[in-house]
């Protein structure tokens, strides 16, 4: 069941909707409340606060055949509903001079559906985790990291969890949803003289216990990696055979054909992929998906901010670009079906087409065979950051480190950081092996350009490919 606050405003929002529908053909109201905590324990301090995703408010969307207008507000009461109605009417009218700046839109589908969606936390803890218990458990993780070696000079353990409640109302729809996501992160910094390196890992599940255990089982690995990176080297730039771990596979999926197939970019003529639908863009081994219902992860919801049910969209199949992903308004402009990818940073911000859970499907190869087949190259591990150019299909992915492979075996040499770059179809076309299992990592955030941050996940199997590294 969604939050008590939104339930208390449901009848008022229905009344506002009813009034506005007397004036406009299509009106929707989205209400969203996100609550949660962030608890951090380091070698020197402990902090408790609200999650960065925290928000609470409403947005009205009005759609005509020529334009889309929106008005947001933080609360609605019996005393304010009249003023809100007046504000919506006044502030969503086209400003003088914009009458010619219109688009051609079809009629928004508004198929009848009344349904409450709820996804409980797997281990039975609904919307809270006792702060004292969290501090104690995070402190134990921090202590183990610090005790691993005198080279570890700082350690941090963080629990972040957030509960998302939303309701969507239109003429024919009355939807609500509630779900939670939990991240536990551990970070270690190692120092040798003036040289400092760090490593981290994140447990991200719909379960407090799973998220904690993921990190608790890896504290020694986190500390040891930070120490190992003290002796890492810079890579000699060149073109190499690579094997990617699921984190880097997900980074490639996200940057290569993530933003590039967000179909509001098609509307704006900012994506090269619009001209390649139905054409090969990758190796025949490649299948790629996105969708709120494609897997269970950080971006798994029941309906998007346009009231469209979450889906599993196949973007690439057998190397062929099948389709993009879209919000409802972009789909109207393009004459396509929306894919449930409309997302807002908050109720105060515009909805855009956004990725959700983006990943490559598993293949048939064994990871050990993929590594054994590399004459000289690198096993690339752990996402740092990435960017792409949807207009020209250039990509840059930064990996935290790489392990050298020589004649099918690890040499023990570590290079860090490693920058992958190139032309997207060249990279995806070079994929020659895909491992038989996948991991989707649900601890990330993504911006649209330089802003508009939303939670995302990405991942997949391990891939063998060929790429320029530097």
Protein backbone atom coordinates (compact mmCIF):
# COMPACT_ATOMS: atom_id res chain seq x y z
CA UNK A 1 0.00 0.00 0.00
CA UNK A 2 1.37 3.44 -0.90
CA UNK A 3 2.14 6.10 1.69
CA UNK A 4 -0.43 7.36 4.17
CA UNK A 5 0.26 10.93 3.04
CA UNK A 6 -0.58 10.24 -0.61
CA UNK A 7 -3.66 8.29 0.43
CA UNK A 8 -4.79 11.31 2.44
CA UNK A 9 -4.51 13.50 -0.68
CA UNK A 10 -6.08 11.02 -3.11
CA UNK A 11 -9.65 12.36 -2.91
CA UNK A 12 -8.50 15.97 -3.33
CA UNK A 13 -6.41 15.07 -6.36
CA UNK A 14 -9.41 13.24 -7.84
CA UNK A 15 -11.50 16.36 -7.31
CA UNK A 16 -8.87 18.57 -8.96
CA UNK A 17 -8.67 16.12 -11.86
CA UNK A 18 -12.44 16.16 -12.29
CA UNK A 19 -12.50 19.96 -12.44
CA UNK A 20 -9.69 20.16 -14.98
CA UNK A 21 -11.19 17.47 -17.22
CA UNK A 22 -14.17 19.79 -17.78
CA UNK A 23 -11.75 22.13 -19.53
CA UNK A 24 -9.10 19.88 -21.10
CA UNK A 25 -9.24 16.63 -23.07
CA UNK A 26 -6.34 14.94 -21.27
CA UNK A 27 -5.17 15.61 -17.72
CA UNK A 28 -3.07 13.49 -15.41
CA UNK A 29 -1.85 14.00 -11.85
CA UNK A 30 1.25 12.29 -10.51
CA UNK A 31 1.90 12.30 -6.77
CA UNK A 32 5.24 11.06 -5.47
CA UNK A 33 6.78 10.66 -2.04
CA UNK A 34 10.27 9.24 -1.46
CA UNK A 35 11.55 8.68 2.06
CA UNK A 36 14.55 6.88 3.50
CA UNK A 37 17.84 7.16 5.35
CA UNK A 38 21.55 7.38 4.70
CA UNK A 39 23.79 6.16 7.52
CA UNK A 40 27.57 6.42 7.23
CA UNK A 41 30.35 5.20 9.54
CA UNK A 42 33.99 6.07 8.85
CA UNK A 43 37.22 5.80 10.83
CA UNK A 44 36.59 9.30 12.17
CA UNK A 45 32.86 9.99 12.20
CA UNK A 46 29.31 8.66 12.11
CA UNK A 47 26.48 10.46 10.32
CA UNK A 48 22.75 9.88 9.90
CA UNK A 49 20.50 11.76 7.52
CA UNK A 50 17.75 11.54 4.95
CA UNK A 51 18.29 9.83 1.62
CA UNK A 52 19.28 12.07 -1.26
CA UNK A 53 16.24 10.82 -3.18
CA UNK A 54 13.85 12.42 -0.69
CA UNK A 55 10.90 14.30 -2.23
CA UNK A 56 7.17 14.85 -1.82
CA UNK A 57 4.80 16.60 -4.21
CA UNK A 58 2.53 16.56 -7.24
CA UNK A 59 2.58 17.47 -10.91
CA UNK A 60 -0.36 18.08 -13.25
CA UNK A 61 0.15 17.34 -16.94
CA UNK A 62 -2.22 18.77 -19.56
CA UNK A 63 -2.00 17.52 -23.12
CA UNK A 64 -3.58 19.01 -26.22
CA UNK A 65 -3.04 18.16 -29.87
CA UNK A 66 -0.37 20.89 -30.13
CA UNK A 67 1.44 21.13 -26.81
CA UNK A 68 2.06 19.66 -23.39
CA UNK A 69 1.95 21.79 -20.24
CA UNK A 70 2.77 20.97 -16.63
CA UNK A 71 2.31 22.53 -13.21
CA UNK A 72 3.80 21.20 -9.98
CA UNK A 73 2.92 21.88 -6.35
CA UNK A 74 4.08 20.54 -3.00
CA UNK A 75 0.73 19.95 -1.28
CA UNK A 76 -3.02 20.13 -1.77
CA UNK A 77 -5.66 20.80 0.89
CA UNK A 78 -9.30 21.84 1.06
CA UNK A 79 -8.08 25.42 1.53
CA UNK A 80 -5.70 25.41 -1.46
CA UNK A 81 -7.46 23.35 -4.13
CA UNK A 82 -9.25 26.37 -5.63
CA UNK A 83 -6.00 28.33 -5.93
CA UNK A 84 -4.19 25.34 -7.41
CA UNK A 85 -6.92 24.95 -10.03
CA UNK A 86 -6.60 28.64 -10.87
CA UNK A 87 -2.81 28.40 -11.08
CA UNK A 88 -2.96 25.38 -13.38
CA UNK A 89 -5.29 27.20 -15.79
CA UNK A 90 -3.29 30.43 -15.76
CA UNK A 91 0.23 29.04 -15.82
CA UNK A 92 -0.23 26.26 -18.37
CA UNK A 93 -1.63 28.52 -21.08
CA UNK A 94 0.81 29.17 -23.93
CA UNK A 95 2.77 32.35 -23.35
CA UNK A 96 2.36 35.15 -25.86
CA UNK A 97 4.48 34.53 -28.92
CA UNK A 98 4.55 30.75 -28.54
CA UNK A 99 1.34 30.01 -30.45
CA UNK A 100 3.35 29.04 -33.54
CA UNK A 101 5.89 27.01 -31.54
CA UNK A 102 3.72 23.90 -31.38
CA UNK A 103 4.00 20.21 -32.20
CA UNK A 104 1.63 17.71 -33.76
CA UNK A 105 0.43 15.20 -31.20
CA UNK A 106 -1.99 12.35 -31.40
CA UNK A 107 -4.45 11.48 -28.68
CA UNK A 108 -2.93 10.10 -25.50
CA UNK A 109 -4.04 6.54 -24.80
CA UNK A 110 -5.82 6.30 -21.49
CA UNK A 111 -6.84 2.69 -21.16
CA UNK A 112 -8.86 1.94 -18.02
CA UNK A 113 -6.89 0.51 -15.12
CA UNK A 114 -7.39 0.77 -11.36
CA UNK A 115 -4.72 -1.08 -9.42
CA UNK A 116 -2.48 -0.91 -6.35
CA UNK A 117 1.05 -2.30 -6.75
CA UNK A 118 3.27 -3.25 -3.82
CA UNK A 119 6.71 -4.84 -3.64
CA UNK A 120 7.70 -5.73 -0.08
CA UNK A 121 11.29 -5.94 1.10
CA UNK A 122 12.38 -9.57 0.87
CA UNK A 123 13.45 -9.93 4.48
CA UNK A 124 10.28 -8.52 5.98
CA UNK A 125 11.58 -5.09 6.97
CA UNK A 126 9.25 -2.64 5.29
CA UNK A 127 10.33 0.99 5.30
CA UNK A 128 12.93 1.30 8.05
CA UNK A 129 16.05 -0.31 9.48
CA UNK A 130 16.90 0.40 13.14
CA UNK A 131 19.57 3.11 13.15
CA UNK A 132 21.44 1.67 16.14
CA UNK A 133 21.60 -1.74 14.49
CA UNK A 134 22.78 -0.20 11.23
CA UNK A 135 25.51 1.86 12.93
CA UNK A 136 26.77 -1.23 14.77
CA UNK A 137 26.85 -3.35 11.63
CA UNK A 138 28.45 -0.62 9.51
CA UNK A 139 30.98 -0.03 12.28
CA UNK A 140 31.99 -3.69 12.20
CA UNK A 141 32.59 -3.46 8.44
CA UNK A 142 34.69 -0.32 8.93
CA UNK A 143 36.68 -1.93 11.75
CA UNK A 144 37.48 -5.01 9.67
CA UNK A 145 38.69 -2.87 6.78
CA UNK A 146 40.90 -0.78 9.06
CA UNK A 147 42.32 -3.88 10.79
CA UNK A 148 43.26 -5.58 7.52
CA UNK A 149 46.57 -3.75 7.14
CA UNK A 150 48.39 -0.70 8.48
CA UNK A 151 48.36 0.54 4.88
CA UNK A 152 44.60 1.11 5.11
CA UNK A 153 44.28 4.72 6.28
CA UNK A 154 40.56 5.27 5.85
CA UNK A 155 37.47 3.11 5.65
CA UNK A 156 33.82 4.03 5.19
CA UNK A 157 30.67 1.91 5.30
CA UNK A 158 27.33 3.34 4.21
CA UNK A 159 23.72 2.12 4.28
CA UNK A 160 21.30 3.96 1.99
CA UNK A 161 17.70 2.91 1.60
CA UNK A 162 14.68 4.63 0.13
CA UNK A 163 10.99 3.87 -0.15
CA UNK A 164 9.15 5.19 -3.21
CA UNK A 165 5.39 5.75 -3.16
CA UNK A 166 3.51 7.23 -6.07
CA UNK A 167 0.00 7.55 -7.42
CA UNK A 168 -1.13 8.33 -10.95
CA UNK A 169 -4.58 9.64 -11.82
CA UNK A 170 -6.17 10.32 -15.21
CA UNK A 171 -9.70 10.09 -16.59
CA UNK A 172 -9.51 6.29 -16.74
CA UNK A 173 -6.55 5.42 -14.53
CA UNK A 174 -6.11 5.25 -10.78
CA UNK A 175 -2.77 3.63 -9.95
CA UNK A 176 -0.59 3.43 -6.87
CA UNK A 177 2.75 1.77 -6.16
CA UNK A 178 5.18 1.33 -3.29
CA UNK A 179 8.63 -0.26 -3.34
CA UNK A 180 11.99 -0.06 -1.56
CA UNK A 181 15.64 -0.41 -2.57
CA UNK A 182 18.70 -0.88 -0.35
CA UNK A 183 22.41 -0.18 -0.98
CA UNK A 184 25.29 -1.02 1.36
CA UNK A 185 28.66 0.36 0.26
CA UNK A 186 32.16 -0.10 1.66
CA UNK A 187 35.20 1.96 0.72
CA UNK A 188 38.85 1.59 1.66
CA UNK A 189 41.81 3.90 1.03
CA UNK A 190 45.40 2.62 1.15
CA UNK A 191 48.54 4.73 1.39
CA UNK A 192 52.20 4.06 0.75
CA UNK A 193 54.24 7.21 1.11
CA UNK A 194 52.51 9.89 -0.92
CA UNK A 195 50.70 7.32 -3.08
CA UNK A 196 47.02 6.82 -2.19
CA UNK A 197 44.62 4.41 -3.90
CA UNK A 198 41.08 3.35 -3.07
CA UNK A 199 38.61 0.60 -3.81
CA UNK A 200 34.95 0.03 -3.09
CA UNK A 201 32.08 -2.39 -3.51
CA UNK A 202 28.30 -2.09 -3.25
CA UNK A 203 25.66 -4.59 -2.25
CA UNK A 204 22.37 -3.56 -3.87
CA UNK A 205 19.24 -5.64 -3.34
CA UNK A 206 15.60 -5.50 -2.30
CA UNK A 207 16.83 -6.84 1.02
CA UNK A 208 18.75 -5.34 3.93
CA UNK A 209 20.27 -8.69 4.82
CA UNK A 210 21.47 -9.50 1.30
CA UNK A 211 22.98 -6.05 0.87
CA UNK A 212 24.84 -6.25 4.18
CA UNK A 213 26.04 -9.81 3.64
CA UNK A 214 27.34 -8.99 0.15
CA UNK A 215 29.71 -6.42 1.67
CA UNK A 216 30.53 -8.35 4.84
CA UNK A 217 31.74 -11.27 2.71
CA UNK A 218 33.99 -8.97 0.64
CA UNK A 219 35.69 -6.69 3.16
CA UNK A 220 39.08 -8.41 2.82
CA UNK A 221 38.86 -8.24 -0.99
CA UNK A 222 38.08 -4.52 -0.84
CA UNK A 223 41.04 -3.79 1.42
CA UNK A 224 43.44 -5.99 -0.57
CA UNK A 225 42.46 -4.38 -3.86
CA UNK A 226 43.21 -0.91 -2.49
CA UNK A 227 46.66 -2.16 -1.47
CA UNK A 228 47.23 -3.88 -4.83
CA UNK A 229 46.36 -0.68 -6.68
CA UNK A 230 49.26 1.07 -4.92
CA UNK A 231 51.50 -0.79 -7.35
CA UNK A 232 49.34 -0.35 -10.46
CA UNK A 233 50.86 1.05 -13.64
CA UNK A 234 49.67 3.20 -16.51
CA UNK A 235 48.61 1.20 -19.55
CA UNK A 236 50.54 1.56 -22.79
CA UNK A 237 47.93 3.03 -25.17
CA UNK A 238 46.85 0.74 -27.98
CA UNK A 239 44.22 -1.63 -29.32
CA UNK A 240 43.81 -4.75 -27.19
CA UNK A 241 41.66 -7.81 -26.73
CA UNK A 242 39.55 -7.22 -23.64
CA UNK A 243 37.31 -9.22 -21.35
CA UNK A 244 34.85 -7.12 -19.36
CA UNK A 245 33.42 -7.93 -15.96
CA UNK A 246 29.64 -7.33 -15.55
CA UNK A 247 30.20 -3.81 -14.22
CA UNK A 248 32.07 -2.75 -17.37
CA UNK A 249 29.63 -4.69 -19.57
CA UNK A 250 26.86 -2.63 -17.98
CA UNK A 251 28.79 0.58 -18.54
CA UNK A 252 29.08 -0.29 -22.23
CA UNK A 253 25.35 -1.07 -22.45
CA UNK A 254 24.48 2.16 -20.67
CA UNK A 255 26.74 4.40 -22.72
CA UNK A 256 26.77 2.63 -26.10
CA UNK A 257 23.05 2.12 -26.69
CA UNK A 258 21.44 3.58 -23.62
CA UNK A 259 21.20 7.32 -24.08
CA UNK A 260 21.49 6.78 -27.83
CA UNK A 261 18.10 5.02 -27.99
CA UNK A 262 16.20 7.35 -25.65
CA UNK A 263 13.59 8.40 -28.16
CA UNK A 264 13.12 11.98 -27.00
CA UNK A 265 16.55 12.29 -28.67
CA UNK A 266 14.88 11.05 -31.88
CA UNK A 267 12.35 13.87 -31.62
CA UNK A 268 15.16 16.41 -31.26
CA UNK A 269 17.24 14.83 -34.05
CA UNK A 270 20.08 14.22 -31.62
CA UNK A 271 20.53 10.46 -32.06
CA UNK A 272 22.20 8.61 -34.90
CA UNK A 273 20.38 5.38 -34.02
CA UNK A 274 17.05 6.63 -35.46
CA UNK A 275 18.46 5.78 -38.90
CA UNK A 276 19.57 2.27 -37.91
CA UNK A 277 16.35 0.65 -36.65
CA UNK A 278 16.20 -2.81 -38.21
CA UNK A 279 19.89 -2.73 -39.16
CA UNK A 280 22.94 -4.50 -37.71
CA UNK A 281 24.82 -2.46 -35.11
CA UNK A 282 26.63 -5.21 -33.20
CA UNK A 283 27.90 -8.76 -33.30
CA UNK A 284 25.23 -11.42 -33.83
CA UNK A 285 26.01 -12.58 -30.27
CA UNK A 286 24.60 -9.38 -28.81
CA UNK A 287 21.17 -9.04 -27.21
CA UNK A 288 20.38 -5.99 -25.08
CA UNK A 289 17.39 -5.09 -22.91
CA UNK A 290 16.04 -2.20 -20.91
CA UNK A 291 12.95 -1.98 -18.77
CA UNK A 292 11.50 -1.51 -15.33
CA UNK A 293 10.22 -5.09 -15.53
CA UNK A 294 13.21 -6.55 -17.39
CA UNK A 295 14.78 -7.60 -14.08
CA UNK A 296 14.52 -6.77 -10.37
CA UNK A 297 16.91 -3.95 -9.57
CA UNK A 298 17.15 -0.29 -8.54
CA UNK A 299 15.02 1.00 -11.44
CA UNK A 300 12.30 -1.65 -11.19
CA UNK A 301 8.92 0.03 -10.80
CA UNK A 302 5.37 -0.93 -11.74
CA UNK A 303 4.42 2.18 -13.73
CA UNK A 304 6.37 5.18 -14.94
CA UNK A 305 5.71 8.89 -14.42
CA UNK A 306 3.28 8.92 -17.37
CA UNK A 307 1.23 6.10 -15.85
CA UNK A 308 2.54 3.57 -18.41
CA UNK A 309 3.20 0.10 -17.00
CA UNK A 310 6.84 -0.95 -16.78
CA UNK A 311 8.04 -3.23 -19.56
CA UNK A 312 10.93 -5.35 -20.84
CA UNK A 313 12.12 -3.81 -24.11
CA UNK A 314 14.48 -5.69 -26.40
CA UNK A 315 16.73 -3.01 -27.89
CA UNK A 316 19.20 -5.23 -29.78
CA UNK A 317 18.59 -8.85 -30.84
CA UNK A 318 21.11 -10.95 -32.78
CA UNK A 319 23.05 -7.73 -33.38
CA UNK A 320 20.07 -5.94 -34.98
CA UNK A 321 18.79 -2.67 -33.50
CA UNK A 322 15.15 -3.50 -32.83
CA UNK A 323 13.80 -0.30 -31.27
CA UNK A 324 14.39 2.48 -28.76
CA UNK A 325 12.79 3.34 -25.44
CA UNK A 326 10.39 6.21 -24.88
CA UNK A 327 8.18 8.29 -22.66
CA UNK A 328 4.51 8.77 -23.63
CA UNK A 329 4.79 12.27 -25.13
CA UNK A 330 7.79 11.38 -27.31
CA UNK A 331 5.96 8.26 -28.47
CA UNK A 332 2.97 10.41 -29.46
CA UNK A 333 5.22 12.67 -31.51
CA UNK A 334 6.88 9.70 -33.21
CA UNK A 335 3.75 7.62 -33.71
CA UNK A 336 5.10 4.71 -31.63
CA UNK A 337 4.05 2.92 -28.45
CA UNK A 338 5.53 4.16 -25.15
CA UNK A 339 7.81 1.70 -23.34
CA UNK A 340 7.31 2.85 -19.74
CA UNK A 341 10.53 4.89 -19.59
CA UNK A 342 9.16 8.29 -18.52
CA UNK A 343 11.04 9.45 -15.44
CA UNK A 344 11.43 12.67 -13.48
CA UNK A 345 14.27 13.64 -11.17
CA UNK A 346 11.47 14.91 -8.93
CA UNK A 347 7.91 16.19 -9.16
CA UNK A 348 9.45 19.64 -9.77
CA UNK A 349 11.22 18.54 -12.94
CA UNK A 350 10.22 17.67 -16.48
CA UNK A 351 9.75 14.03 -17.49
CA UNK A 352 12.26 12.65 -19.98
CA UNK A 353 12.83 9.31 -21.64
CA UNK A 354 15.27 7.61 -19.30
CA UNK A 355 16.96 4.25 -19.04
CA UNK A 356 15.93 1.94 -16.21
CA UNK A 357 17.60 -1.49 -15.95
CA UNK A 358 19.89 -1.73 -18.99
CA UNK A 359 21.87 -4.90 -19.67
CA UNK A 360 23.21 -7.41 -22.19
CA UNK A 361 21.77 -10.93 -22.12
CA UNK A 362 23.98 -13.88 -21.27
CA UNK A 363 25.50 -16.12 -23.97
CA UNK A 364 26.99 -19.62 -24.04
CA UNK A 365 30.69 -19.13 -23.34
CA UNK A 366 32.65 -19.89 -20.17
CA UNK A 367 34.59 -17.03 -18.62
CA UNK A 368 37.69 -19.19 -18.13
CA UNK A 369 37.69 -20.08 -21.83
CA UNK A 370 37.33 -16.42 -22.79
CA UNK A 371 40.36 -15.48 -20.68
CA UNK A 372 42.35 -18.45 -21.97
CA UNK A 373 41.75 -17.28 -25.56
CA UNK A 374 43.42 -13.88 -25.02
CA UNK A 375 46.97 -13.67 -26.40
CA UNK A 376 47.65 -10.28 -24.87
CA UNK A 377 45.01 -8.03 -23.36
CA UNK A 378 43.19 -7.04 -20.20
CA UNK A 379 40.35 -8.09 -17.94
CA UNK A 380 38.61 -4.79 -17.23
CA UNK A 381 36.89 -4.31 -13.89
CA UNK A 382 34.70 -1.83 -12.01
CA UNK A 383 32.97 1.18 -13.50
CA UNK A 384 34.43 4.60 -12.82
CA UNK A 385 32.50 6.81 -15.25
CA UNK A 386 31.51 7.07 -18.90
CA UNK A 387 30.03 9.26 -21.59
CA UNK A 388 28.72 8.96 -25.11
CA UNK A 389 27.86 11.09 -28.10
CA UNK A 390 24.43 9.86 -29.33
CA UNK A 391 24.72 12.01 -32.46
CA UNK A 392 28.01 10.48 -33.65
CA UNK A 393 28.21 7.20 -31.70
CA UNK A 394 31.52 7.88 -30.01
CA UNK A 395 31.97 6.36 -26.58
CA UNK A 396 34.33 6.72 -23.63
CA UNK A 397 34.25 4.40 -20.63
CA UNK A 398 36.59 4.66 -17.66
CA UNK A 399 37.38 1.44 -15.80
CA UNK A 400 38.85 1.54 -12.30
CA UNK A 401 41.50 -1.01 -13.22
CA UNK A 402 42.50 -3.82 -15.54
CA UNK A 403 44.35 -7.08 -14.97
CA UNK A 404 46.84 -8.01 -17.68
CA UNK A 405 46.36 -11.29 -19.56
CA UNK A 406 49.29 -12.86 -21.41
CA UNK A 407 48.94 -16.17 -23.29
CA UNK A 408 45.60 -16.83 -21.59
CA UNK A 409 46.80 -16.27 -18.02
CA UNK A 410 46.84 -13.37 -15.58
CA UNK A 411 50.33 -11.98 -15.17
CA UNK A 412 49.66 -10.23 -11.86
CA UNK A 413 50.15 -6.79 -13.41
CA UNK A 414 47.44 -4.23 -12.73
CA UNK A 415 46.87 -1.07 -14.77
CA UNK A 416 44.76 1.81 -13.44
CA UNK A 417 42.75 3.67 -14.51
CA UNK A 418 41.87 2.39 -17.98
CA UNK A 419 39.99 4.45 -20.58
CA UNK A 420 38.08 2.64 -23.33
CA UNK A 421 37.17 4.71 -26.38
CA UNK A 422 35.99 4.27 -29.94
CA UNK A 423 33.05 4.04 -32.31
CA UNK A 424 30.08 2.15 -30.86
CA UNK A 425 29.39 -0.25 -33.80
CA UNK A 426 33.11 -1.10 -33.97
CA UNK A 427 33.19 -2.00 -30.27
CA UNK A 428 29.92 -3.96 -30.29
CA UNK A 429 30.76 -5.55 -33.62
CA UNK A 430 34.02 -6.89 -32.21
CA UNK A 431 32.30 -8.93 -29.48
CA UNK A 432 33.40 -12.52 -30.08
CA UNK A 433 32.30 -14.26 -26.87
CA UNK A 434 29.58 -13.77 -24.23
CA UNK A 435 29.67 -15.60 -20.90
CA UNK A 436 26.86 -17.88 -19.79
CA UNK A 437 25.79 -15.93 -16.68
CA UNK A 438 25.01 -12.27 -15.99
CA UNK A 439 24.89 -9.83 -13.10
CA UNK A 440 22.83 -6.63 -13.00
CA UNK A 441 24.22 -4.04 -10.60
CA UNK A 442 21.62 -1.77 -9.03
CA UNK A 443 23.52 0.98 -7.26
CA UNK A 444 23.92 3.70 -9.87
CA UNK A 445 22.55 7.09 -10.80
CA UNK A 446 22.44 8.65 -14.25
CA UNK A 447 22.02 12.20 -15.47
CA UNK A 448 20.49 13.44 -18.70
CA UNK A 449 23.39 15.46 -20.00
CA UNK A 450 24.75 17.10 -16.86
CA UNK A 451 21.60 17.03 -14.69
CA UNK A 452 18.21 15.29 -14.16
CA UNK A 453 19.52 12.44 -11.99
CA UNK A 454 17.57 9.19 -11.59
CA UNK A 455 18.42 5.75 -10.20
CA UNK A 456 19.48 3.16 -12.76
CA UNK A 457 21.02 -0.28 -12.95
CA UNK A 458 23.11 -1.94 -15.62
CA UNK A 459 25.17 -5.05 -16.18
CA UNK A 460 25.20 -8.30 -18.07
CA UNK A 461 27.60 -11.17 -18.69
CA UNK A 462 31.32 -10.94 -19.33
CA UNK A 463 32.17 -9.95 -22.90
CA UNK A 464 35.24 -10.58 -25.04
CA UNK A 465 35.86 -7.77 -27.51
CA UNK A 466 38.57 -5.62 -29.02
CA UNK A 467 38.96 -1.98 -28.12
CA UNK A 468 41.28 1.01 -27.95
CA UNK A 469 42.60 1.52 -24.43
CA UNK A 470 44.52 4.38 -22.94
